[in-house]
Amino acid sequence: MDIHKTAIIAKEAHIDKTAIIGPYCTIGPQVKIDKNVKLHSHVNVDGNTIIGEYCEIFSFASIGTNPQDLKYQGENSRVIIGKKNIIREYSTINTGTQLGNMETVVGDNCLLMIATHIAHDCIVGNNVIIANNATLGGHVEVADKVIIGGLAAIHQYIKIGLHAIIGGMSTVVNNVPPFASVSGERAKITGVNLLGMKRNNFERQVIQEVQELYKSIFFKPDGGIFQHKIKAAKGKFSSKASADILKFIESVDNRGFCQVDNKK
């Protein structure tokens, strides 16, 4: 094993022989570190935590520590980190709670930039990018391929849909539908994440359909009853992307959705 002599590792910890553990890292007794994981110096991994293969974790990150929740009573909840994630300096990921999922989960191929905070019971999907100093409150759910800008703050229990993008310094207090672009002090929908859809090779026809769907539901100037708009959209839009949006809207029953920025 490539373990620096200054690292402090509990004898009960399970560390794959291909892992690299840098200077002054601390690893608790319930930790499992999979193959080809690299911990730079001063990384703290504690609690009932699994670090998936090929992850790279930079200095002063802290993973698997107790949640910042006064209701936490020491239950043996856990943190699960998937494969090929990059977790940069000073990032923090807290364990789950009995009143939540009993686990905090990060998927595969994510980039958590400097000082990202992922609170208790969050579920983060695959290929997610969270920029510097962004914060997820407890019980937040982030779907695949979401981008969260720097210094953004996501309120607890919020759900963020597939391919959505959150602008930097935004405060998100309502749910964000798939493919939406939101920003602002109280984040509002400004349109569709066109760049993200193009980068992920969505066909032009699908992109145009998603734009039309958003116009018909969120940007339609004549108002109308929201549920009637949803019903009409089901009969008009047929792509999988549109189906994902409509399914998300119908499944979310708490905190509503971000409002529309009519100035855009």
C-alpha atoms as a PDB file:
ATOM      1  CA  MET A   1       0.000   0.000   0.000  1.00  0.00           C
ATOM      2  CA  ASP A   2       1.118   3.545  -0.761  1.00  0.00           C
ATOM      3  CA  ILE A   3       0.324   5.088   2.620  1.00  0.00           C
ATOM      4  CA  HIS A   4       2.324   8.003   3.965  1.00  0.00           C
ATOM      5  CA  LYS A   5       3.913   7.355   7.340  1.00  0.00           C
ATOM      6  CA  THR A   6       2.135  10.338   8.911  1.00  0.00           C
ATOM      7  CA  ALA A   7      -1.361   9.117   8.013  1.00  0.00           C
ATOM      8  CA  ILE A   8      -3.503   7.946  10.946  1.00  0.00           C
ATOM      9  CA  ILE A   9      -5.638   4.979   9.943  1.00  0.00           C
ATOM     10  CA  ALA A  10      -7.852   2.890  12.196  1.00  0.00           C
ATOM     11  CA  LYS A  11      -6.852  -0.756  12.046  1.00  0.00           C
ATOM     12  CA  GLU A  12     -10.452  -1.770  11.273  1.00  0.00           C
ATOM     13  CA  ALA A  13     -10.623   0.415   8.132  1.00  0.00           C
ATOM     14  CA  HIS A  14     -10.701  -1.393   4.810  1.00  0.00           C
ATOM     15  CA  ILE A  15      -8.325   0.152   2.287  1.00  0.00           C
ATOM     16  CA  ASP A  16      -7.661  -1.400  -1.099  1.00  0.00           C
ATOM     17  CA  LYS A  17      -4.007  -2.134  -1.741  1.00  0.00           C
ATOM     18  CA  THR A  18      -4.022   0.115  -4.828  1.00  0.00           C
ATOM     19  CA  ALA A  19      -5.175   3.213  -2.917  1.00  0.00           C
ATOM     20  CA  ILE A  20      -2.843   6.149  -2.240  1.00  0.00           C
ATOM     21  CA  ILE A  21      -3.119   7.811   1.160  1.00  0.00           C
ATOM     22  CA  GLY A  22      -1.209  11.079   1.508  1.00  0.00           C
ATOM     23  CA  PRO A  23       0.435  12.824   4.479  1.00  0.00           C
ATOM     24  CA  TYR A  24      -1.589  13.519   7.620  1.00  0.00           C
ATOM     25  CA  CYS A  25      -4.796  11.896   6.389  1.00  0.00           C
ATOM     26  CA  THR A  26      -7.091  10.415   9.043  1.00  0.00           C
ATOM     27  CA  ILE A  27      -9.331   7.434   8.332  1.00  0.00           C
ATOM     28  CA  GLY A  28     -11.906   6.040  10.765  1.00  0.00           C
ATOM     29  CA  PRO A  29     -12.658   2.406  11.623  1.00  0.00           C
ATOM     30  CA  GLN A  30     -15.823   2.015   9.519  1.00  0.00           C
ATOM     31  CA  VAL A  31     -14.366   3.489   6.349  1.00  0.00           C
ATOM     32  CA  LYS A  32     -14.041   1.476   3.153  1.00  0.00           C
ATOM     33  CA  ILE A  33     -11.780   2.847   0.417  1.00  0.00           C
ATOM     34  CA  ASP A  34     -11.950   1.107  -2.951  1.00  0.00           C
ATOM     35  CA  LYS A  35      -9.248   0.551  -5.555  1.00  0.00           C
ATOM     36  CA  ASN A  36      -7.171   3.340  -7.072  1.00  0.00           C
ATOM     37  CA  VAL A  37      -8.554   6.020  -4.754  1.00  0.00           C
ATOM     38  CA  LYS A  38      -6.157   8.878  -4.115  1.00  0.00           C
ATOM     39  CA  LEU A  39      -6.270  10.995  -0.964  1.00  0.00           C
ATOM     40  CA  HIS A  40      -4.030  14.044  -1.001  1.00  0.00           C
ATOM     41  CA  SER A  41      -2.678  15.385   2.287  1.00  0.00           C
ATOM     42  CA  HIS A  42      -4.829  16.209   5.348  1.00  0.00           C
ATOM     43  CA  VAL A  43      -8.013  14.467   4.163  1.00  0.00           C
ATOM     44  CA  ASN A  44     -10.409  13.311   6.884  1.00  0.00           C
ATOM     45  CA  VAL A  45     -12.683  10.327   6.188  1.00  0.00           C
ATOM     46  CA  ASP A  46     -14.781   9.105   9.107  1.00  0.00           C
ATOM     47  CA  GLY A  47     -18.063   7.400   9.944  1.00  0.00           C
ATOM     48  CA  ASN A  48     -19.689   4.579   8.017  1.00  0.00           C
ATOM     49  CA  THR A  49     -18.302   5.741   4.679  1.00  0.00           C
ATOM     50  CA  ILE A  50     -17.608   4.105   1.322  1.00  0.00           C
ATOM     51  CA  ILE A  51     -15.321   5.798  -1.211  1.00  0.00           C
ATOM     52  CA  GLY A  52     -15.724   4.296  -4.695  1.00  0.00           C
ATOM     53  CA  GLU A  53     -12.897   3.386  -7.033  1.00  0.00           C
ATOM     54  CA  TYR A  54     -10.784   5.993  -8.838  1.00  0.00           C
ATOM     55  CA  CYS A  55     -11.965   8.887  -6.667  1.00  0.00           C
ATOM     56  CA  GLU A  56      -9.495  11.697  -6.013  1.00  0.00           C
ATOM     57  CA  ILE A  57      -9.911  13.748  -2.851  1.00  0.00           C
ATOM     58  CA  PHE A  58      -7.885  16.877  -2.194  1.00  0.00           C
ATOM     59  CA  SER A  59      -6.457  18.439   0.954  1.00  0.00           C
ATOM     60  CA  PHE A  60      -8.640  19.323   3.946  1.00  0.00           C
ATOM     61  CA  ALA A  61     -11.789  17.677   2.594  1.00  0.00           C
ATOM     62  CA  SER A  62     -13.882  16.084   5.352  1.00  0.00           C
ATOM     63  CA  ILE A  63     -16.206  13.194   4.526  1.00  0.00           C
ATOM     64  CA  GLY A  64     -18.490  11.103   6.718  1.00  0.00           C
ATOM     65  CA  THR A  65     -18.608  13.368   9.755  1.00  0.00           C
ATOM     66  CA  ASN A  66     -21.738  13.880  11.864  1.00  0.00           C
ATOM     67  CA  PRO A  67     -24.506  15.969  10.295  1.00  0.00           C
ATOM     68  CA  GLN A  68     -25.145  19.545  11.366  1.00  0.00           C
ATOM     69  CA  ASP A  69     -28.597  18.574  12.594  1.00  0.00           C
ATOM     70  CA  LEU A  70     -29.668  18.926  16.208  1.00  0.00           C
ATOM     71  CA  LYS A  71     -32.030  15.949  15.776  1.00  0.00           C
ATOM     72  CA  TYR A  72     -29.125  13.604  15.058  1.00  0.00           C
ATOM     73  CA  GLN A  73     -28.786  11.083  17.898  1.00  0.00           C
ATOM     74  CA  GLY A  74     -25.647   9.226  16.846  1.00  0.00           C
ATOM     75  CA  GLU A  75     -27.384   6.668  14.606  1.00  0.00           C
ATOM     76  CA  ASN A  76     -24.986   4.665  12.439  1.00  0.00           C
ATOM     77  CA  SER A  77     -25.987   6.283   9.165  1.00  0.00           C
ATOM     78  CA  ARG A  78     -23.576   6.391   6.255  1.00  0.00           C
ATOM     79  CA  VAL A  79     -22.039   8.199   3.295  1.00  0.00           C
ATOM     80  CA  ILE A  80     -21.706   6.508  -0.084  1.00  0.00           C
ATOM     81  CA  ILE A  81     -19.412   8.063  -2.691  1.00  0.00           C
ATOM     82  CA  GLY A  82     -19.510   6.504  -6.157  1.00  0.00           C
ATOM     83  CA  LYS A  83     -16.752   6.059  -8.737  1.00  0.00           C
ATOM     84  CA  LYS A  84     -14.399   8.515 -10.427  1.00  0.00           C
ATOM     85  CA  ASN A  85     -15.372  11.574  -8.421  1.00  0.00           C
ATOM     86  CA  ILE A  86     -13.102  14.569  -7.899  1.00  0.00           C
ATOM     87  CA  ILE A  87     -13.597  16.206  -4.510  1.00  0.00           C
ATOM     88  CA  ARG A  88     -11.592  19.381  -4.109  1.00  0.00           C
ATOM     89  CA  GLU A  89     -10.109  21.172  -1.103  1.00  0.00           C
ATOM     90  CA  TYR A  90     -12.223  21.921   1.993  1.00  0.00           C
ATOM     91  CA  SER A  91     -15.309  20.112   0.711  1.00  0.00           C
ATOM     92  CA  THR A  92     -17.565  18.570   3.370  1.00  0.00           C
ATOM     93  CA  ILE A  93     -20.018  15.685   3.081  1.00  0.00           C
ATOM     94  CA  ASN A  94     -22.068  14.755   6.157  1.00  0.00           C
ATOM     95  CA  THR A  95     -23.651  11.424   6.971  1.00  0.00           C
ATOM     96  CA  GLY A  96     -27.412  10.750   6.890  1.00  0.00           C
ATOM     97  CA  THR A  97     -29.958  10.794   9.687  1.00  0.00           C
ATOM     98  CA  GLN A  98     -32.715   8.588  11.060  1.00  0.00           C
ATOM     99  CA  LEU A  99     -35.348  11.094   9.956  1.00  0.00           C
ATOM    100  CA  GLY A 100     -33.975  11.051   6.397  1.00  0.00           C
ATOM    101  CA  ASN A 101     -32.518   8.342   4.184  1.00  0.00           C
ATOM    102  CA  MET A 102     -29.965   7.179   6.783  1.00  0.00           C
ATOM    103  CA  GLU A 103     -27.421   7.891   4.063  1.00  0.00           C
ATOM    104  CA  THR A 104     -25.935  10.668   1.983  1.00  0.00           C
ATOM    105  CA  VAL A 105     -25.115   9.603  -1.569  1.00  0.00           C
ATOM    106  CA  VAL A 106     -22.907  11.013  -4.325  1.00  0.00           C
ATOM    107  CA  GLY A 107     -23.034   9.207  -7.681  1.00  0.00           C
ATOM    108  CA  ASP A 108     -20.282   8.691 -10.260  1.00  0.00           C
ATOM    109  CA  ASN A 109     -18.111  11.121 -12.243  1.00  0.00           C
ATOM    110  CA  CYS A 110     -18.967  14.194 -10.192  1.00  0.00           C
ATOM    111  CA  LEU A 111     -16.800  17.262  -9.691  1.00  0.00           C
ATOM    112  CA  LEU A 112     -17.180  18.946  -6.314  1.00  0.00           C
ATOM    113  CA  MET A 113     -15.110  22.102  -6.423  1.00  0.00           C
ATOM    114  CA  ILE A 114     -13.440  23.878  -3.509  1.00  0.00           C
ATOM    115  CA  ALA A 115     -15.504  24.170  -0.296  1.00  0.00           C
ATOM    116  CA  THR A 116     -18.592  22.390  -1.615  1.00  0.00           C
ATOM    117  CA  HIS A 117     -20.920  21.364   1.208  1.00  0.00           C
ATOM    118  CA  ILE A 118     -23.283  18.398   0.892  1.00  0.00           C
ATOM    119  CA  ALA A 119     -25.475  18.119   3.960  1.00  0.00           C
ATOM    120  CA  HIS A 120     -27.136  15.098   5.554  1.00  0.00           C
ATOM    121  CA  ASP A 121     -29.450  12.855   3.530  1.00  0.00           C
ATOM    122  CA  CYS A 122     -28.678  14.485   0.180  1.00  0.00           C
ATOM    123  CA  ILE A 123     -28.777  12.397  -2.973  1.00  0.00           C
ATOM    124  CA  VAL A 124     -26.511  13.627  -5.778  1.00  0.00           C
ATOM    125  CA  GLY A 125     -26.692  11.901  -9.160  1.00  0.00           C
ATOM    126  CA  ASN A 126     -24.035  11.159 -11.767  1.00  0.00           C
ATOM    127  CA  ASN A 127     -21.937  13.650 -13.749  1.00  0.00           C
ATOM    128  CA  VAL A 128     -22.903  16.547 -11.480  1.00  0.00           C
ATOM    129  CA  ILE A 129     -20.712  19.652 -11.224  1.00  0.00           C
ATOM    130  CA  ILE A 130     -20.901  21.800  -8.099  1.00  0.00           C
ATOM    131  CA  ALA A 131     -18.738  24.912  -8.196  1.00  0.00           C
ATOM    132  CA  ASN A 132     -16.769  26.617  -5.422  1.00  0.00           C
ATOM    133  CA  ASN A 133     -18.510  27.291  -2.096  1.00  0.00           C
ATOM    134  CA  ALA A 134     -21.920  26.020  -3.218  1.00  0.00           C
ATOM    135  CA  THR A 135     -24.050  24.481  -0.468  1.00  0.00           C
ATOM    136  CA  LEU A 136     -26.730  21.803  -0.448  1.00  0.00           C
ATOM    137  CA  GLY A 137     -29.025  21.847   2.579  1.00  0.00           C
ATOM    138  CA  GLY A 138     -30.309  18.612   4.108  1.00  0.00           C
ATOM    139  CA  HIS A 139     -32.443  16.189   2.065  1.00  0.00           C
ATOM    140  CA  VAL A 140     -31.686  17.874  -1.278  1.00  0.00           C
ATOM    141  CA  GLU A 141     -31.965  15.677  -4.394  1.00  0.00           C
ATOM    142  CA  VAL A 142     -29.840  16.535  -7.424  1.00  0.00           C
ATOM    143  CA  ALA A 143     -30.441  14.579 -10.631  1.00  0.00           C
ATOM    144  CA  ASP A 144     -27.826  13.573 -13.224  1.00  0.00           C
ATOM    145  CA  LYS A 145     -25.797  16.158 -15.177  1.00  0.00           C
ATOM    146  CA  VAL A 146     -26.855  19.147 -13.102  1.00  0.00           C
ATOM    147  CA  ILE A 147     -24.499  22.140 -12.849  1.00  0.00           C
ATOM    148  CA  ILE A 148     -24.582  24.310  -9.723  1.00  0.00           C
ATOM    149  CA  GLY A 149     -22.716  27.610  -9.867  1.00  0.00           C
ATOM    150  CA  GLY A 150     -20.332  28.979  -7.278  1.00  0.00           C
ATOM    151  CA  LEU A 151     -21.705  30.316  -3.976  1.00  0.00           C
ATOM    152  CA  ALA A 152     -25.183  28.994  -4.762  1.00  0.00           C
ATOM    153  CA  ALA A 153     -27.286  27.960  -1.751  1.00  0.00           C
ATOM    154  CA  ILE A 154     -29.874  25.203  -2.138  1.00  0.00           C
ATOM    155  CA  HIS A 155     -32.604  25.105   0.527  1.00  0.00           C
ATOM    156  CA  GLN A 156     -33.301  21.846   2.328  1.00  0.00           C
ATOM    157  CA  TYR A 157     -35.721  19.367   0.689  1.00  0.00           C
ATOM    158  CA  ILE A 158     -35.281  20.942  -2.758  1.00  0.00           C
ATOM    159  CA  LYS A 159     -35.275  18.721  -5.854  1.00  0.00           C
ATOM    160  CA  ILE A 160     -33.267  19.670  -8.936  1.00  0.00           C
ATOM    161  CA  GLY A 161     -34.150  17.911 -12.184  1.00  0.00           C
ATOM    162  CA  LEU A 162     -32.015  16.413 -14.957  1.00  0.00           C
ATOM    163  CA  HIS A 163     -29.691  18.743 -16.888  1.00  0.00           C
ATOM    164  CA  ALA A 164     -30.729  21.823 -14.914  1.00  0.00           C
ATOM    165  CA  ILE A 165     -28.245  24.639 -14.353  1.00  0.00           C
ATOM    166  CA  ILE A 166     -28.127  26.923 -11.311  1.00  0.00           C
ATOM    167  CA  GLY A 167     -26.468  30.307 -11.712  1.00  0.00           C
ATOM    168  CA  GLY A 168     -23.692  31.407  -9.393  1.00  0.00           C
ATOM    169  CA  MET A 169     -24.693  33.142  -6.125  1.00  0.00           C
ATOM    170  CA  SER A 170     -28.298  31.981  -6.542  1.00  0.00           C
ATOM    171  CA  THR A 171     -30.540  31.144  -3.603  1.00  0.00           C
ATOM    172  CA  VAL A 172     -32.787  28.248  -4.560  1.00  0.00           C
ATOM    173  CA  VAL A 173     -35.853  27.925  -2.325  1.00  0.00           C
ATOM    174  CA  ASN A 174     -38.147  26.111  -4.782  1.00  0.00           C
ATOM    175  CA  ASN A 175     -37.806  22.990  -6.918  1.00  0.00           C
ATOM    176  CA  VAL A 176     -36.014  23.238 -10.273  1.00  0.00           C
ATOM    177  CA  PRO A 177     -37.544  21.274 -13.176  1.00  0.00           C
ATOM    178  CA  PRO A 178     -35.356  19.303 -15.623  1.00  0.00           C
ATOM    179  CA  PHE A 179     -33.467  21.301 -18.267  1.00  0.00           C
ATOM    180  CA  ALA A 180     -34.258  24.612 -16.563  1.00  0.00           C
ATOM    181  CA  SER A 181     -31.824  27.485 -16.223  1.00  0.00           C
ATOM    182  CA  VAL A 182     -32.376  29.385 -12.978  1.00  0.00           C
ATOM    183  CA  SER A 183     -30.578  32.255 -11.300  1.00  0.00           C
ATOM    184  CA  GLY A 184     -31.039  35.170  -8.956  1.00  0.00           C
ATOM    185  CA  GLU A 185     -31.131  36.125  -5.278  1.00  0.00           C
ATOM    186  CA  ARG A 186     -34.372  34.133  -5.120  1.00  0.00           C
ATOM    187  CA  ALA A 187     -33.713  31.937  -8.124  1.00  0.00           C
ATOM    188  CA  LYS A 188     -36.152  32.236 -11.009  1.00  0.00           C
ATOM    189  CA  ILE A 189     -36.449  30.327 -14.257  1.00  0.00           C
ATOM    190  CA  THR A 190     -34.751  32.311 -16.990  1.00  0.00           C
ATOM    191  CA  GLY A 191     -35.130  29.738 -19.749  1.00  0.00           C
ATOM    192  CA  VAL A 192     -33.815  26.350 -20.831  1.00  0.00           C
ATOM    193  CA  ASN A 193     -30.266  25.048 -20.349  1.00  0.00           C
ATOM    194  CA  LEU A 194     -29.523  25.235 -24.071  1.00  0.00           C
ATOM    195  CA  LEU A 195     -25.761  24.943 -23.760  1.00  0.00           C
ATOM    196  CA  GLY A 196     -26.070  21.871 -21.565  1.00  0.00           C
ATOM    197  CA  MET A 197     -28.463  20.206 -23.990  1.00  0.00           C
ATOM    198  CA  LYS A 198     -26.164  20.923 -26.935  1.00  0.00           C
ATOM    199  CA  ARG A 199     -23.125  19.607 -25.069  1.00  0.00           C
ATOM    200  CA  ASN A 200     -25.025  16.416 -24.313  1.00  0.00           C
ATOM    201  CA  ASN A 201     -25.915  15.942 -27.985  1.00  0.00           C
ATOM    202  CA  PHE A 202     -29.658  16.444 -27.812  1.00  0.00           C
ATOM    203  CA  GLU A 203     -31.180  16.740 -31.259  1.00  0.00           C
ATOM    204  CA  ARG A 204     -32.252  20.207 -32.377  1.00  0.00           C
ATOM    205  CA  GLN A 205     -35.855  19.053 -32.624  1.00  0.00           C
ATOM    206  CA  VAL A 206     -35.820  17.907 -28.991  1.00  0.00           C
ATOM    207  CA  ILE A 207     -34.261  21.172 -27.817  1.00  0.00           C
ATOM    208  CA  GLN A 208     -36.908  23.182 -29.659  1.00  0.00           C
ATOM    209  CA  GLU A 209     -39.644  21.018 -28.192  1.00  0.00           C
ATOM    210  CA  VAL A 210     -38.359  21.548 -24.642  1.00  0.00           C
ATOM    211  CA  GLN A 211     -38.282  25.302 -25.282  1.00  0.00           C
ATOM    212  CA  GLU A 212     -41.864  25.231 -26.503  1.00  0.00           C
ATOM    213  CA  LEU A 213     -42.945  23.132 -23.524  1.00  0.00           C
ATOM    214  CA  TYR A 214     -41.409  25.642 -21.097  1.00  0.00           C
ATOM    215  CA  LYS A 215     -43.119  28.504 -22.907  1.00  0.00           C
ATOM    216  CA  SER A 216     -46.486  26.777 -22.771  1.00  0.00           C
ATOM    217  CA  ILE A 217     -46.258  25.922 -19.061  1.00  0.00           C
ATOM    218  CA  PHE A 218     -44.160  28.622 -17.420  1.00  0.00           C
ATOM    219  CA  PHE A 219     -43.916  31.535 -19.847  1.00  0.00           C
ATOM    220  CA  LYS A 220     -47.381  31.587 -21.415  1.00  0.00           C
ATOM    221  CA  PRO A 221     -48.555  35.206 -21.038  1.00  0.00           C
ATOM    222  CA  ASP A 222     -52.285  34.487 -20.808  1.00  0.00           C
ATOM    223  CA  GLY A 223     -51.910  32.671 -17.510  1.00  0.00           C
ATOM    224  CA  GLY A 224     -54.321  29.800 -17.109  1.00  0.00           C
ATOM    225  CA  ILE A 225     -54.666  26.956 -14.609  1.00  0.00           C
ATOM    226  CA  PHE A 226     -51.353  25.154 -14.119  1.00  0.00           C
ATOM    227  CA  GLN A 227     -52.824  21.647 -14.161  1.00  0.00           C
ATOM    228  CA  HIS A 228     -54.652  22.405 -17.397  1.00  0.00           C
ATOM    229  CA  LYS A 229     -51.352  23.447 -18.968  1.00  0.00           C
ATOM    230  CA  ILE A 230     -49.770  20.160 -17.891  1.00  0.00           C
ATOM    231  CA  LYS A 231     -52.622  18.146 -19.364  1.00  0.00           C
ATOM    232  CA  ALA A 232     -52.420  20.043 -22.657  1.00  0.00           C
ATOM    233  CA  ALA A 233     -48.627  19.562 -22.806  1.00  0.00           C
ATOM    234  CA  LYS A 234     -49.005  15.782 -22.438  1.00  0.00           C
ATOM    235  CA  GLY A 235     -51.012  15.666 -25.616  1.00  0.00           C
ATOM    236  CA  LYS A 236     -48.682  17.937 -27.547  1.00  0.00           C
ATOM    237  CA  PHE A 237     -45.084  17.024 -26.651  1.00  0.00           C
ATOM    238  CA  SER A 238     -43.769  13.513 -27.193  1.00  0.00           C
ATOM    239  CA  SER A 239     -39.985  13.404 -26.635  1.00  0.00           C
ATOM    240  CA  LYS A 240     -38.416  11.647 -23.652  1.00  0.00           C
ATOM    241  CA  ALA A 241     -37.025  14.990 -22.475  1.00  0.00           C
ATOM    242  CA  SER A 242     -40.529  16.457 -22.381  1.00  0.00           C
ATOM    243  CA  ALA A 243     -41.809  13.358 -20.591  1.00  0.00           C
ATOM    244  CA  ASP A 244     -39.055  13.759 -17.974  1.00  0.00           C
ATOM    245  CA  ILE A 245     -40.102  17.365 -17.355  1.00  0.00           C
ATOM    246  CA  LEU A 246     -43.789  16.543 -17.027  1.00  0.00           C
ATOM    247  CA  LYS A 247     -43.118  13.548 -14.778  1.00  0.00           C
ATOM    248  CA  PHE A 248     -40.957  15.698 -12.500  1.00  0.00           C
ATOM    249  CA  ILE A 249     -43.591  18.429 -12.280  1.00  0.00           C
ATOM    250  CA  GLU A 250     -46.324  15.952 -11.379  1.00  0.00           C
ATOM    251  CA  SER A 251     -44.204  14.039  -8.853  1.00  0.00           C
ATOM    252  CA  VAL A 252     -42.989  16.987  -6.789  1.00  0.00           C
ATOM    253  CA  ASP A 253     -45.412  17.845  -4.013  1.00  0.00           C
ATOM    254  CA  ASN A 254     -43.436  20.146  -1.740  1.00  0.00           C
ATOM    255  CA  ARG A 255     -42.074  23.703  -2.025  1.00  0.00           C
ATOM    256  CA  GLY A 256     -43.483  24.326  -5.518  1.00  0.00           C
ATOM    257  CA  PHE A 257     -41.308  25.468  -8.417  1.00  0.00           C
ATOM    258  CA  CYS A 258     -39.071  28.410  -9.115  1.00  0.00           C
ATOM    259  CA  GLN A 259     -41.025  31.297 -10.561  1.00  0.00           C
ATOM    260  CA  VAL A 260     -40.422  32.731 -14.010  1.00  0.00           C
ATOM    261  CA  ASP A 261     -38.218  35.761 -14.613  1.00  0.00           C
ATOM    262  CA  ASN A 262     -40.485  37.740 -16.930  1.00  0.00           C
ATOM    263  CA  LYS A 263     -37.653  40.112 -17.787  1.00  0.00           C
ATOM    264  CA  LYS A 264     -35.898  37.375 -19.762  1.00  0.00           C
END
